[in-house]
Amino acid sequence: MAVRQRVLLTGATGHVGGRLFSHLLAHESVDVRAVVRSPHRLAHFAKYAEILGGDLGDELTRRNALHGVDCVVHLATRGFSSAKPPTEFELAKEEEVTLHLVADALRAGVASLLYLSSIHVYGQALSGDVDDLTPTVPNTLYGHSRQRIEQGILELAQTTDAQITIVRLTNSFGVPAIPRAETWDLLLHDLCRQVIQSQSMTLRSDGRVSRDTMALRDVVEVLSQIMTTPADLGGVCLLASGHTMQLIDIAELVQGCAKEVLGVDARISAPSSNTVQPPSFVLHPTRLLSAGITIPQNRNDEICDLLRYAQREFGTTTS
């Protein structure tokens, strides 16, 4: 980054936010300010950042957090877990806080803002070739919530010259910078835990279901590129690996990594597939690629690291 930049990061204790927090602190030309409700949860590297404790639902907290900031990266939104989907009340509160934060940021004169959305906005449209311009047809409370936030942000974007980027993120996985128990409900995290605990993997869903999974190290690298690119990326950008796999193929990938790094030959079992073939899709991050953004492909390395992390957390399997 040529010019020193003060970045406000929300969600610094979260799944993506924790890794991005650590990543940004490695940039000498970035001053990171993080606003968190529970500062004690932050990792040791947080000492290199400015930490503000508080709730973004409070207007004074938002005002203090935004003072003197060049860029806002808003990740303090609920991710989606099939085990514990957020409630309608939680989603409504999050929508309100997010739109207040964006409006306050624009009034404070920030130059850019990045909001992390989700491919859940596509819903029923998640079939065939999907890109930034594919119409959204959400079919869950969570998907509808992300859609409403996107629409609200895009309306606010029409009132400013600031660059406001909405990133629709695919499924992401990886070793957490800050441990969170709920991340073990995520597909690849659960598979790695199963390998350690039982030397086997049982798929919860039809093995033919498609997923585009992206390593956290790749996600944070792309987000960092978006923050620094001179290209105009205002509007909606889809962020995905671009490589779709069936669940059974993902399990086999974990199986191969477990053999390589742990010496474990994990068996795989899956529910019988007597239903109609699930829809397949390919996610195309067209705008990002057109802007010269490089999308790394480090899925295998992240799986290996996640297996080692699961080993430390759950087992005594030796490599």
C-alpha atoms as a PDB file:
ATOM      1  CA  MET A   1       0.000   0.000   0.000  1.00  0.00           C
ATOM      2  CA  ALA A   2       1.615   3.223  -1.166  1.00  0.00           C
ATOM      3  CA  VAL A   3      -0.224   5.572   1.204  1.00  0.00           C
ATOM      4  CA  ARG A   4      -0.653   4.852   4.900  1.00  0.00           C
ATOM      5  CA  GLN A   5      -4.264   3.969   5.535  1.00  0.00           C
ATOM      6  CA  ARG A   6      -6.332   3.782   8.700  1.00  0.00           C
ATOM      7  CA  VAL A   7      -8.734   0.861   8.482  1.00  0.00           C
ATOM      8  CA  LEU A   8     -11.672   0.234  10.778  1.00  0.00           C
ATOM      9  CA  LEU A   9     -12.331  -3.500  11.022  1.00  0.00           C
ATOM     10  CA  THR A  10     -15.483  -4.857  12.610  1.00  0.00           C
ATOM     11  CA  GLY A  11     -15.875  -8.544  13.417  1.00  0.00           C
ATOM     12  CA  ALA A  12     -12.196  -8.931  14.354  1.00  0.00           C
ATOM     13  CA  THR A  13     -13.006 -11.938  16.556  1.00  0.00           C
ATOM     14  CA  GLY A  14     -14.986 -13.716  13.847  1.00  0.00           C
ATOM     15  CA  HIS A  15     -14.368 -16.528  11.382  1.00  0.00           C
ATOM     16  CA  VAL A  16     -13.144 -14.350   8.519  1.00  0.00           C
ATOM     17  CA  GLY A  17     -12.467 -11.242  10.600  1.00  0.00           C
ATOM     18  CA  GLY A  18      -9.908 -12.875  12.867  1.00  0.00           C
ATOM     19  CA  ARG A  19      -7.787 -14.006   9.946  1.00  0.00           C
ATOM     20  CA  LEU A  20      -8.142 -10.673   8.134  1.00  0.00           C
ATOM     21  CA  PHE A  21      -7.174  -8.847  11.336  1.00  0.00           C
ATOM     22  CA  SER A  22      -3.939 -10.820  11.548  1.00  0.00           C
ATOM     23  CA  HIS A  23      -3.328 -10.391   7.809  1.00  0.00           C
ATOM     24  CA  LEU A  24      -3.760  -6.594   7.851  1.00  0.00           C
ATOM     25  CA  LEU A  25      -1.440  -6.180  10.804  1.00  0.00           C
ATOM     26  CA  ALA A  26       1.353  -7.600   8.647  1.00  0.00           C
ATOM     27  CA  HIS A  27       1.034  -4.554   6.352  1.00  0.00           C
ATOM     28  CA  GLU A  28       3.337  -1.846   7.655  1.00  0.00           C
ATOM     29  CA  SER A  29       1.392   0.863   5.813  1.00  0.00           C
ATOM     30  CA  VAL A  30      -1.916   0.039   7.495  1.00  0.00           C
ATOM     31  CA  ASP A  31      -3.111   1.249  10.881  1.00  0.00           C
ATOM     32  CA  VAL A  32      -5.841  -1.112  12.071  1.00  0.00           C
ATOM     33  CA  ARG A  33      -8.575  -0.059  14.456  1.00  0.00           C
ATOM     34  CA  ALA A  34     -10.889  -2.831  15.632  1.00  0.00           C
ATOM     35  CA  VAL A  35     -14.154  -2.306  17.460  1.00  0.00           C
ATOM     36  CA  VAL A  36     -15.246  -5.373  19.439  1.00  0.00           C
ATOM     37  CA  ARG A  37     -17.755  -6.141  22.147  1.00  0.00           C
ATOM     38  CA  SER A  38     -15.398  -8.493  23.973  1.00  0.00           C
ATOM     39  CA  PRO A  39     -11.767  -7.259  23.769  1.00  0.00           C
ATOM     40  CA  HIS A  40     -10.605 -10.122  26.020  1.00  0.00           C
ATOM     41  CA  ARG A  41     -11.339 -12.567  23.178  1.00  0.00           C
ATOM     42  CA  LEU A  42      -8.740 -11.002  20.910  1.00  0.00           C
ATOM     43  CA  ALA A  43      -5.550 -12.891  20.142  1.00  0.00           C
ATOM     44  CA  HIS A  44      -2.076 -11.836  21.207  1.00  0.00           C
ATOM     45  CA  PHE A  45      -1.442 -10.003  17.920  1.00  0.00           C
ATOM     46  CA  ALA A  46      -4.170  -7.486  18.818  1.00  0.00           C
ATOM     47  CA  LYS A  47      -1.579  -5.512  20.802  1.00  0.00           C
ATOM     48  CA  TYR A  48      -0.375  -4.091  17.491  1.00  0.00           C
ATOM     49  CA  ALA A  49      -3.764  -2.512  16.743  1.00  0.00           C
ATOM     50  CA  GLU A  50      -6.004   0.148  18.223  1.00  0.00           C
ATOM     51  CA  ILE A  51      -8.810  -1.634  20.069  1.00  0.00           C
ATOM     52  CA  LEU A  52     -12.131  -0.021  20.919  1.00  0.00           C
ATOM     53  CA  GLY A  53     -14.553  -1.901  23.138  1.00  0.00           C
ATOM     54  CA  GLY A  54     -18.250  -1.318  22.513  1.00  0.00           C
ATOM     55  CA  ASP A  55     -21.403  -2.272  20.663  1.00  0.00           C
ATOM     56  CA  LEU A  56     -21.931  -1.021  17.125  1.00  0.00           C
ATOM     57  CA  GLY A  57     -25.586  -0.616  17.986  1.00  0.00           C
ATOM     58  CA  ASP A  58     -24.544   2.408  20.056  1.00  0.00           C
ATOM     59  CA  GLU A  59     -24.284   5.674  18.111  1.00  0.00           C
ATOM     60  CA  LEU A  60     -21.404   7.035  20.221  1.00  0.00           C
ATOM     61  CA  THR A  61     -19.411   3.828  19.698  1.00  0.00           C
ATOM     62  CA  ARG A  62     -19.852   4.129  15.936  1.00  0.00           C
ATOM     63  CA  ARG A  63     -18.866   7.800  15.956  1.00  0.00           C
ATOM     64  CA  ASN A  64     -15.684   7.137  17.948  1.00  0.00           C
ATOM     65  CA  ALA A  65     -14.811   4.127  15.810  1.00  0.00           C
ATOM     66  CA  LEU A  66     -15.191   6.067  12.566  1.00  0.00           C
ATOM     67  CA  HIS A  67     -13.200   9.152  13.583  1.00  0.00           C
ATOM     68  CA  GLY A  68     -10.258   9.677  11.231  1.00  0.00           C
ATOM     69  CA  VAL A  69     -10.854   6.423   9.322  1.00  0.00           C
ATOM     70  CA  ASP A  70     -10.083   6.032   5.606  1.00  0.00           C
ATOM     71  CA  CYS A  71     -11.574   2.586   5.003  1.00  0.00           C
ATOM     72  CA  VAL A  72     -14.231   0.514   6.769  1.00  0.00           C
ATOM     73  CA  VAL A  73     -14.301  -3.283   6.487  1.00  0.00           C
ATOM     74  CA  HIS A  74     -17.545  -4.512   8.001  1.00  0.00           C
ATOM     75  CA  LEU A  75     -17.426  -8.197   8.905  1.00  0.00           C
ATOM     76  CA  ALA A  76     -19.369  -8.048  12.174  1.00  0.00           C
ATOM     77  CA  THR A  77     -22.322  -9.909  10.746  1.00  0.00           C
ATOM     78  CA  ARG A  78     -23.534 -13.385  11.486  1.00  0.00           C
ATOM     79  CA  GLY A  79     -22.205 -16.171   9.330  1.00  0.00           C
ATOM     80  CA  PHE A  80     -24.520 -19.027   8.459  1.00  0.00           C
ATOM     81  CA  SER A  81     -24.339 -22.373  10.219  1.00  0.00           C
ATOM     82  CA  SER A  82     -26.864 -25.063   9.353  1.00  0.00           C
ATOM     83  CA  ALA A  83     -26.608 -26.266  12.944  1.00  0.00           C
ATOM     84  CA  LYS A  84     -27.520 -22.910  14.498  1.00  0.00           C
ATOM     85  CA  PRO A  85     -29.095 -20.545  11.973  1.00  0.00           C
ATOM     86  CA  PRO A  86     -29.599 -17.011  13.304  1.00  0.00           C
ATOM     87  CA  THR A  87     -33.078 -16.030  14.425  1.00  0.00           C
ATOM     88  CA  GLU A  88     -35.308 -13.539  12.639  1.00  0.00           C
ATOM     89  CA  PHE A  89     -34.874 -11.087  15.529  1.00  0.00           C
ATOM     90  CA  GLU A  90     -31.067 -11.388  15.419  1.00  0.00           C
ATOM     91  CA  LEU A  91     -31.051 -10.822  11.675  1.00  0.00           C
ATOM     92  CA  ALA A  92     -33.331  -7.782  11.890  1.00  0.00           C
ATOM     93  CA  LYS A  93     -31.116  -6.186  14.548  1.00  0.00           C
ATOM     94  CA  GLU A  94     -28.050  -6.860  12.440  1.00  0.00           C
ATOM     95  CA  GLU A  95     -29.637  -5.226   9.400  1.00  0.00           C
ATOM     96  CA  GLU A  96     -30.427  -2.123  11.420  1.00  0.00           C
ATOM     97  CA  VAL A  97     -26.929  -1.817  12.906  1.00  0.00           C
ATOM     98  CA  THR A  98     -25.212  -2.428   9.558  1.00  0.00           C
ATOM     99  CA  LEU A  99     -27.149   0.266   7.722  1.00  0.00           C
ATOM    100  CA  HIS A 100     -26.598   2.739  10.568  1.00  0.00           C
ATOM    101  CA  LEU A 101     -22.864   2.009  10.411  1.00  0.00           C
ATOM    102  CA  VAL A 102     -22.705   2.536   6.648  1.00  0.00           C
ATOM    103  CA  ALA A 103     -24.695   5.781   6.842  1.00  0.00           C
ATOM    104  CA  ASP A 104     -22.487   7.067   9.676  1.00  0.00           C
ATOM    105  CA  ALA A 105     -19.342   6.086   7.765  1.00  0.00           C
ATOM    106  CA  LEU A 106     -20.437   8.078   4.731  1.00  0.00           C
ATOM    107  CA  ARG A 107     -21.227  11.101   6.904  1.00  0.00           C
ATOM    108  CA  ALA A 108     -17.761  10.747   8.467  1.00  0.00           C
ATOM    109  CA  GLY A 109     -16.206  10.971   4.999  1.00  0.00           C
ATOM    110  CA  VAL A 110     -14.626   7.535   4.596  1.00  0.00           C
ATOM    111  CA  ALA A 111     -13.082   6.925   1.190  1.00  0.00           C
ATOM    112  CA  SER A 112     -14.094   3.279   0.909  1.00  0.00           C
ATOM    113  CA  LEU A 113     -16.209   0.650   2.602  1.00  0.00           C
ATOM    114  CA  LEU A 114     -16.288  -3.101   2.152  1.00  0.00           C
ATOM    115  CA  TYR A 115     -19.222  -5.196   3.371  1.00  0.00           C
ATOM    116  CA  LEU A 116     -19.085  -8.985   3.466  1.00  0.00           C
ATOM    117  CA  SER A 117     -22.294 -10.584   2.227  1.00  0.00           C
ATOM    118  CA  SER A 118     -22.976 -14.212   1.275  1.00  0.00           C
ATOM    119  CA  ILE A 119     -23.832 -16.437  -1.671  1.00  0.00           C
ATOM    120  CA  HIS A 120     -26.972 -17.315   0.300  1.00  0.00           C
ATOM    121  CA  VAL A 121     -28.591 -14.333  -1.457  1.00  0.00           C
ATOM    122  CA  TYR A 122     -28.693 -16.434  -4.633  1.00  0.00           C
ATOM    123  CA  GLY A 123     -30.892 -19.078  -3.025  1.00  0.00           C
ATOM    124  CA  GLN A 124     -32.863 -20.844  -5.740  1.00  0.00           C
ATOM    125  CA  ALA A 125     -30.711 -19.192  -8.405  1.00  0.00           C
ATOM    126  CA  LEU A 126     -27.668 -21.176  -7.249  1.00  0.00           C
ATOM    127  CA  SER A 127     -27.698 -23.418 -10.304  1.00  0.00           C
ATOM    128  CA  GLY A 128     -25.688 -23.491 -13.510  1.00  0.00           C
ATOM    129  CA  ASP A 129     -23.355 -20.558 -14.151  1.00  0.00           C
ATOM    130  CA  VAL A 130     -23.592 -17.917 -11.425  1.00  0.00           C
ATOM    131  CA  ASP A 131     -21.787 -14.570 -11.391  1.00  0.00           C
ATOM    132  CA  ASP A 132     -22.014 -11.056  -9.970  1.00  0.00           C
ATOM    133  CA  LEU A 133     -25.044 -10.205 -12.129  1.00  0.00           C
ATOM    134  CA  THR A 134     -27.094 -13.360 -11.504  1.00  0.00           C
ATOM    135  CA  PRO A 135     -30.485 -12.320 -10.040  1.00  0.00           C
ATOM    136  CA  THR A 136     -30.859 -13.142  -6.353  1.00  0.00           C
ATOM    137  CA  VAL A 137     -33.700 -15.434  -5.281  1.00  0.00           C
ATOM    138  CA  PRO A 138     -33.069 -16.106  -1.568  1.00  0.00           C
ATOM    139  CA  ASN A 139     -35.025 -18.945   0.021  1.00  0.00           C
ATOM    140  CA  THR A 140     -33.980 -18.643   3.685  1.00  0.00           C
ATOM    141  CA  LEU A 141     -34.365 -15.998   6.383  1.00  0.00           C
ATOM    142  CA  TYR A 142     -30.612 -15.546   6.284  1.00  0.00           C
ATOM    143  CA  GLY A 143     -30.528 -15.106   2.514  1.00  0.00           C
ATOM    144  CA  HIS A 144     -33.382 -12.586   2.595  1.00  0.00           C
ATOM    145  CA  SER A 145     -31.574 -10.671   5.338  1.00  0.00           C
ATOM    146  CA  ARG A 146     -28.346 -10.444   3.313  1.00  0.00           C
ATOM    147  CA  GLN A 147     -30.380  -9.300   0.301  1.00  0.00           C
ATOM    148  CA  ARG A 148     -32.056  -6.505   2.292  1.00  0.00           C
ATOM    149  CA  ILE A 149     -28.710  -5.331   3.656  1.00  0.00           C
ATOM    150  CA  GLU A 150     -27.237  -5.296   0.159  1.00  0.00           C
ATOM    151  CA  GLN A 151     -30.173  -3.287  -1.186  1.00  0.00           C
ATOM    152  CA  GLY A 152     -29.931  -0.797   1.675  1.00  0.00           C
ATOM    153  CA  ILE A 153     -26.192  -0.321   1.168  1.00  0.00           C
ATOM    154  CA  LEU A 154     -26.582   0.124  -2.589  1.00  0.00           C
ATOM    155  CA  GLU A 155     -29.195   2.825  -1.976  1.00  0.00           C
ATOM    156  CA  LEU A 156     -26.819   4.648   0.366  1.00  0.00           C
ATOM    157  CA  ALA A 157     -24.018   4.267  -2.197  1.00  0.00           C
ATOM    158  CA  GLN A 158     -25.989   6.427  -4.628  1.00  0.00           C
ATOM    159  CA  THR A 159     -25.549   9.410  -2.272  1.00  0.00           C
ATOM    160  CA  THR A 160     -21.731   9.356  -2.148  1.00  0.00           C
ATOM    161  CA  ASP A 161     -18.521   9.292  -4.171  1.00  0.00           C
ATOM    162  CA  ALA A 162     -16.967   6.810  -1.734  1.00  0.00           C
ATOM    163  CA  GLN A 163     -16.239   3.360  -3.137  1.00  0.00           C
ATOM    164  CA  ILE A 164     -18.625   0.901  -1.524  1.00  0.00           C
ATOM    165  CA  THR A 165     -18.006  -2.749  -2.312  1.00  0.00           C
ATOM    166  CA  ILE A 166     -20.310  -5.625  -1.409  1.00  0.00           C
ATOM    167  CA  VAL A 167     -18.510  -8.978  -1.481  1.00  0.00           C
ATOM    168  CA  ARG A 168     -20.684 -12.081  -1.777  1.00  0.00           C
ATOM    169  CA  LEU A 169     -18.507 -14.734  -0.198  1.00  0.00           C
ATOM    170  CA  THR A 170     -18.722 -18.436  -0.920  1.00  0.00           C
ATOM    171  CA  ASN A 171     -18.253 -21.096   1.789  1.00  0.00           C
ATOM    172  CA  SER A 172     -14.946 -20.493   3.556  1.00  0.00           C
ATOM    173  CA  PHE A 173     -12.930 -22.643   5.933  1.00  0.00           C
ATOM    174  CA  GLY A 174      -9.654 -22.631   7.772  1.00  0.00           C
ATOM    175  CA  VAL A 175      -7.741 -22.474  11.015  1.00  0.00           C
ATOM    176  CA  PRO A 176      -9.260 -19.724  13.171  1.00  0.00           C
ATOM    177  CA  ALA A 177      -7.054 -16.892  14.362  1.00  0.00           C
ATOM    178  CA  ILE A 178      -9.331 -16.697  17.385  1.00  0.00           C
ATOM    179  CA  PRO A 179     -10.997 -19.999  18.416  1.00  0.00           C
ATOM    180  CA  ARG A 180     -14.777 -20.163  18.097  1.00  0.00           C
ATOM    181  CA  ALA A 181     -16.587 -23.387  18.998  1.00  0.00           C
ATOM    182  CA  GLU A 182     -19.316 -22.839  16.409  1.00  0.00           C
ATOM    183  CA  THR A 183     -16.874 -23.036  13.501  1.00  0.00           C
ATOM    184  CA  TRP A 184     -16.679 -26.802  14.048  1.00  0.00           C
ATOM    185  CA  ASP A 185     -20.211 -26.983  12.589  1.00  0.00           C
ATOM    186  CA  LEU A 186     -18.844 -25.906   9.194  1.00  0.00           C
ATOM    187  CA  LEU A 187     -18.497 -28.701   6.641  1.00  0.00           C
ATOM    188  CA  LEU A 188     -14.730 -28.975   6.281  1.00  0.00           C
ATOM    189  CA  HIS A 189     -14.138 -28.243   9.960  1.00  0.00           C
ATOM    190  CA  ASP A 190     -16.560 -31.019  10.917  1.00  0.00           C
ATOM    191  CA  LEU A 191     -14.902 -33.482   8.541  1.00  0.00           C
ATOM    192  CA  CYS A 192     -11.453 -32.726   9.970  1.00  0.00           C
ATOM    193  CA  ARG A 193     -12.754 -33.151  13.512  1.00  0.00           C
ATOM    194  CA  GLN A 194     -14.326 -36.484  12.585  1.00  0.00           C
ATOM    195  CA  VAL A 195     -11.005 -37.693  11.169  1.00  0.00           C
ATOM    196  CA  ILE A 196      -9.293 -36.978  14.482  1.00  0.00           C
ATOM    197  CA  GLN A 197     -12.035 -38.337  16.709  1.00  0.00           C
ATOM    198  CA  SER A 198     -12.971 -41.498  14.800  1.00  0.00           C
ATOM    199  CA  GLN A 199     -10.580 -41.871  11.847  1.00  0.00           C
ATOM    200  CA  SER A 200     -13.655 -41.765   9.647  1.00  0.00           C
ATOM    201  CA  MET A 201     -16.007 -39.250   8.041  1.00  0.00           C
ATOM    202  CA  THR A 202     -19.786 -39.408   7.797  1.00  0.00           C
ATOM    203  CA  LEU A 203     -21.429 -36.941   5.440  1.00  0.00           C
ATOM    204  CA  ARG A 204     -24.622 -35.392   6.820  1.00  0.00           C
ATOM    205  CA  SER A 205     -26.046 -34.652   3.369  1.00  0.00           C
ATOM    206  CA  ASP A 206     -26.257 -36.237  -0.069  1.00  0.00           C
ATOM    207  CA  GLY A 207     -22.691 -36.664  -1.303  1.00  0.00           C
ATOM    208  CA  ARG A 208     -23.701 -35.293  -4.704  1.00  0.00           C
ATOM    209  CA  VAL A 209     -24.496 -31.825  -3.298  1.00  0.00           C
ATOM    210  CA  SER A 210     -22.222 -29.154  -4.798  1.00  0.00           C
ATOM    211  CA  ARG A 211     -20.067 -26.693  -2.864  1.00  0.00           C
ATOM    212  CA  ASP A 212     -17.525 -24.048  -3.773  1.00  0.00           C
ATOM    213  CA  THR A 213     -15.161 -23.900  -0.802  1.00  0.00           C
ATOM    214  CA  MET A 214     -12.451 -21.306  -0.343  1.00  0.00           C
ATOM    215  CA  ALA A 215      -9.507 -21.317   2.063  1.00  0.00           C
ATOM    216  CA  LEU A 216      -9.459 -18.454   4.562  1.00  0.00           C
ATOM    217  CA  ARG A 217      -5.903 -17.577   3.561  1.00  0.00           C
ATOM    218  CA  ASP A 218      -7.203 -16.997   0.032  1.00  0.00           C
ATOM    219  CA  VAL A 219     -10.253 -15.052   1.195  1.00  0.00           C
ATOM    220  CA  VAL A 220      -8.236 -12.572   3.257  1.00  0.00           C
ATOM    221  CA  GLU A 221      -5.674 -12.148   0.487  1.00  0.00           C
ATOM    222  CA  VAL A 222      -8.432 -11.203  -1.957  1.00  0.00           C
ATOM    223  CA  LEU A 223     -10.112  -8.851   0.521  1.00  0.00           C
ATOM    224  CA  SER A 224      -6.758  -7.141   1.025  1.00  0.00           C
ATOM    225  CA  GLN A 225      -6.363  -6.784  -2.733  1.00  0.00           C
ATOM    226  CA  ILE A 226      -9.838  -5.255  -3.027  1.00  0.00           C
ATOM    227  CA  MET A 227      -8.920  -2.695  -0.372  1.00  0.00           C
ATOM    228  CA  THR A 228      -5.805  -1.623  -2.255  1.00  0.00           C
ATOM    229  CA  THR A 229      -6.672  -1.920  -5.943  1.00  0.00           C
ATOM    230  CA  PRO A 230      -7.014   1.313  -7.928  1.00  0.00           C
ATOM    231  CA  ALA A 231      -9.769  -0.317  -9.997  1.00  0.00           C
ATOM    232  CA  ASP A 232     -13.357   0.757  -9.416  1.00  0.00           C
ATOM    233  CA  LEU A 233     -14.999  -2.130  -7.583  1.00  0.00           C
ATOM    234  CA  GLY A 234     -17.997  -0.243  -6.289  1.00  0.00           C
ATOM    235  CA  GLY A 235     -21.121  -2.405  -6.246  1.00  0.00           C
ATOM    236  CA  VAL A 236     -21.427  -6.174  -5.923  1.00  0.00           C
ATOM    237  CA  CYS A 237     -18.552  -8.636  -6.401  1.00  0.00           C
ATOM    238  CA  LEU A 238     -18.786 -12.406  -6.099  1.00  0.00           C
ATOM    239  CA  LEU A 239     -15.838 -13.984  -4.292  1.00  0.00           C
ATOM    240  CA  ALA A 240     -15.406 -17.710  -4.875  1.00  0.00           C
ATOM    241  CA  SER A 241     -12.706 -20.159  -5.849  1.00  0.00           C
ATOM    242  CA  GLY A 242     -14.490 -20.875  -9.128  1.00  0.00           C
ATOM    243  CA  HIS A 243     -14.041 -24.626  -8.609  1.00  0.00           C
ATOM    244  CA  THR A 244     -17.156 -26.541  -7.592  1.00  0.00           C
ATOM    245  CA  MET A 245     -16.863 -29.939  -5.916  1.00  0.00           C
ATOM    246  CA  GLN A 246     -19.407 -32.475  -4.722  1.00  0.00           C
ATOM    247  CA  LEU A 247     -19.440 -33.229  -0.994  1.00  0.00           C
ATOM    248  CA  ILE A 248     -18.089 -36.718  -1.599  1.00  0.00           C
ATOM    249  CA  ASP A 249     -15.148 -35.225  -3.534  1.00  0.00           C
ATOM    250  CA  ILE A 250     -14.455 -32.798  -0.676  1.00  0.00           C
ATOM    251  CA  ALA A 251     -14.458 -35.697   1.789  1.00  0.00           C
ATOM    252  CA  GLU A 252     -12.019 -37.565  -0.441  1.00  0.00           C
ATOM    253  CA  LEU A 253      -9.799 -34.484  -0.538  1.00  0.00           C
ATOM    254  CA  VAL A 254      -9.763 -34.411   3.279  1.00  0.00           C
ATOM    255  CA  GLN A 255      -9.087 -38.146   3.223  1.00  0.00           C
ATOM    256  CA  GLY A 256      -5.998 -37.628   1.055  1.00  0.00           C
ATOM    257  CA  CYS A 257      -4.710 -34.768   3.214  1.00  0.00           C
ATOM    258  CA  ALA A 258      -5.240 -36.843   6.381  1.00  0.00           C
ATOM    259  CA  LYS A 259      -3.188 -39.655   4.879  1.00  0.00           C
ATOM    260  CA  GLU A 260      -0.443 -37.213   3.920  1.00  0.00           C
ATOM    261  CA  VAL A 261      -0.095 -35.181   7.134  1.00  0.00           C
ATOM    262  CA  LEU A 262      -1.380 -37.561   9.824  1.00  0.00           C
ATOM    263  CA  GLY A 263      -0.840 -41.017   8.385  1.00  0.00           C
ATOM    264  CA  VAL A 264      -4.553 -41.707   8.897  1.00  0.00           C
ATOM    265  CA  ASP A 265      -6.594 -43.619   6.303  1.00  0.00           C
ATOM    266  CA  ALA A 266     -10.069 -42.302   7.126  1.00  0.00           C
ATOM    267  CA  ARG A 267     -13.049 -44.207   5.730  1.00  0.00           C
ATOM    268  CA  ILE A 268     -15.980 -42.244   4.273  1.00  0.00           C
ATOM    269  CA  SER A 269     -19.689 -42.989   4.546  1.00  0.00           C
ATOM    270  CA  ALA A 270     -22.558 -41.025   3.071  1.00  0.00           C
ATOM    271  CA  PRO A 271     -26.372 -41.238   3.020  1.00  0.00           C
ATOM    272  CA  SER A 272     -27.876 -43.238   0.204  1.00  0.00           C
ATOM    273  CA  SER A 273     -28.667 -41.144  -2.872  1.00  0.00           C
ATOM    274  CA  ASN A 274     -32.128 -42.198  -3.987  1.00  0.00           C
ATOM    275  CA  THR A 275     -33.432 -38.701  -4.648  1.00  0.00           C
ATOM    276  CA  VAL A 276     -33.256 -36.485  -7.724  1.00  0.00           C
ATOM    277  CA  GLN A 277     -29.770 -35.265  -8.633  1.00  0.00           C
ATOM    278  CA  PRO A 278     -29.092 -32.019  -6.677  1.00  0.00           C
ATOM    279  CA  PRO A 279     -28.454 -28.942  -8.819  1.00  0.00           C
ATOM    280  CA  SER A 280     -24.854 -28.182  -9.702  1.00  0.00           C
ATOM    281  CA  PHE A 281     -23.356 -24.762 -10.205  1.00  0.00           C
ATOM    282  CA  VAL A 282     -20.163 -22.887 -10.988  1.00  0.00           C
ATOM    283  CA  LEU A 283     -19.436 -19.553  -9.308  1.00  0.00           C
ATOM    284  CA  HIS A 284     -17.652 -17.043 -11.542  1.00  0.00           C
ATOM    285  CA  PRO A 285     -15.900 -14.102  -9.766  1.00  0.00           C
ATOM    286  CA  THR A 286     -16.007 -12.178 -13.025  1.00  0.00           C
ATOM    287  CA  ARG A 287     -15.703  -8.589 -11.760  1.00  0.00           C
ATOM    288  CA  LEU A 288     -12.765  -9.358  -9.489  1.00  0.00           C
ATOM    289  CA  LEU A 289     -10.844 -11.143 -12.223  1.00  0.00           C
ATOM    290  CA  SER A 290     -11.604  -8.360 -14.715  1.00  0.00           C
ATOM    291  CA  ALA A 291     -10.197  -5.828 -12.220  1.00  0.00           C
ATOM    292  CA  GLY A 292      -6.917  -7.727 -12.064  1.00  0.00           C
ATOM    293  CA  ILE A 293      -7.574  -9.337  -8.687  1.00  0.00           C
ATOM    294  CA  THR A 294      -5.692 -12.605  -8.249  1.00  0.00           C
ATOM    295  CA  ILE A 295      -7.676 -15.397  -6.595  1.00  0.00           C
ATOM    296  CA  PRO A 296      -5.243 -17.864  -4.978  1.00  0.00           C
ATOM    297  CA  GLN A 297      -6.029 -21.575  -4.797  1.00  0.00           C
ATOM    298  CA  ASN A 298      -4.601 -22.912  -1.526  1.00  0.00           C
ATOM    299  CA  ARG A 299      -7.417 -25.249  -0.535  1.00  0.00           C
ATOM    300  CA  ASN A 300      -5.209 -28.283   0.118  1.00  0.00           C
ATOM    301  CA  ASP A 301      -2.720 -26.400   2.289  1.00  0.00           C
ATOM    302  CA  GLU A 302      -5.542 -24.970   4.405  1.00  0.00           C
ATOM    303  CA  ILE A 303      -7.112 -28.432   4.833  1.00  0.00           C
ATOM    304  CA  CYS A 304      -3.766 -29.819   6.006  1.00  0.00           C
ATOM    305  CA  ASP A 305      -3.412 -26.980   8.504  1.00  0.00           C
ATOM    306  CA  LEU A 306      -6.997 -27.486   9.661  1.00  0.00           C
ATOM    307  CA  LEU A 307      -6.337 -31.179  10.249  1.00  0.00           C
ATOM    308  CA  ARG A 308      -3.290 -30.318  12.355  1.00  0.00           C
ATOM    309  CA  TYR A 309      -5.360 -27.803  14.287  1.00  0.00           C
ATOM    310  CA  ALA A 310      -8.131 -30.371  14.873  1.00  0.00           C
ATOM    311  CA  GLN A 311      -5.486 -32.809  16.069  1.00  0.00           C
ATOM    312  CA  ARG A 312      -4.303 -30.319  18.677  1.00  0.00           C
ATOM    313  CA  GLU A 313      -7.874 -29.658  19.774  1.00  0.00           C
ATOM    314  CA  PHE A 314      -9.402 -33.126  19.772  1.00  0.00           C
ATOM    315  CA  GLY A 315      -6.926 -35.959  19.552  1.00  0.00           C
ATOM    316  CA  THR A 316      -3.617 -37.597  19.974  1.00  0.00           C
ATOM    317  CA  THR A 317      -3.165 -39.036  16.471  1.00  0.00           C
ATOM    318  CA  THR A 318       0.490 -38.776  15.508  1.00  0.00           C
ATOM    319  CA  SER A 319       1.930 -38.030  12.110  1.00  0.00           C
END
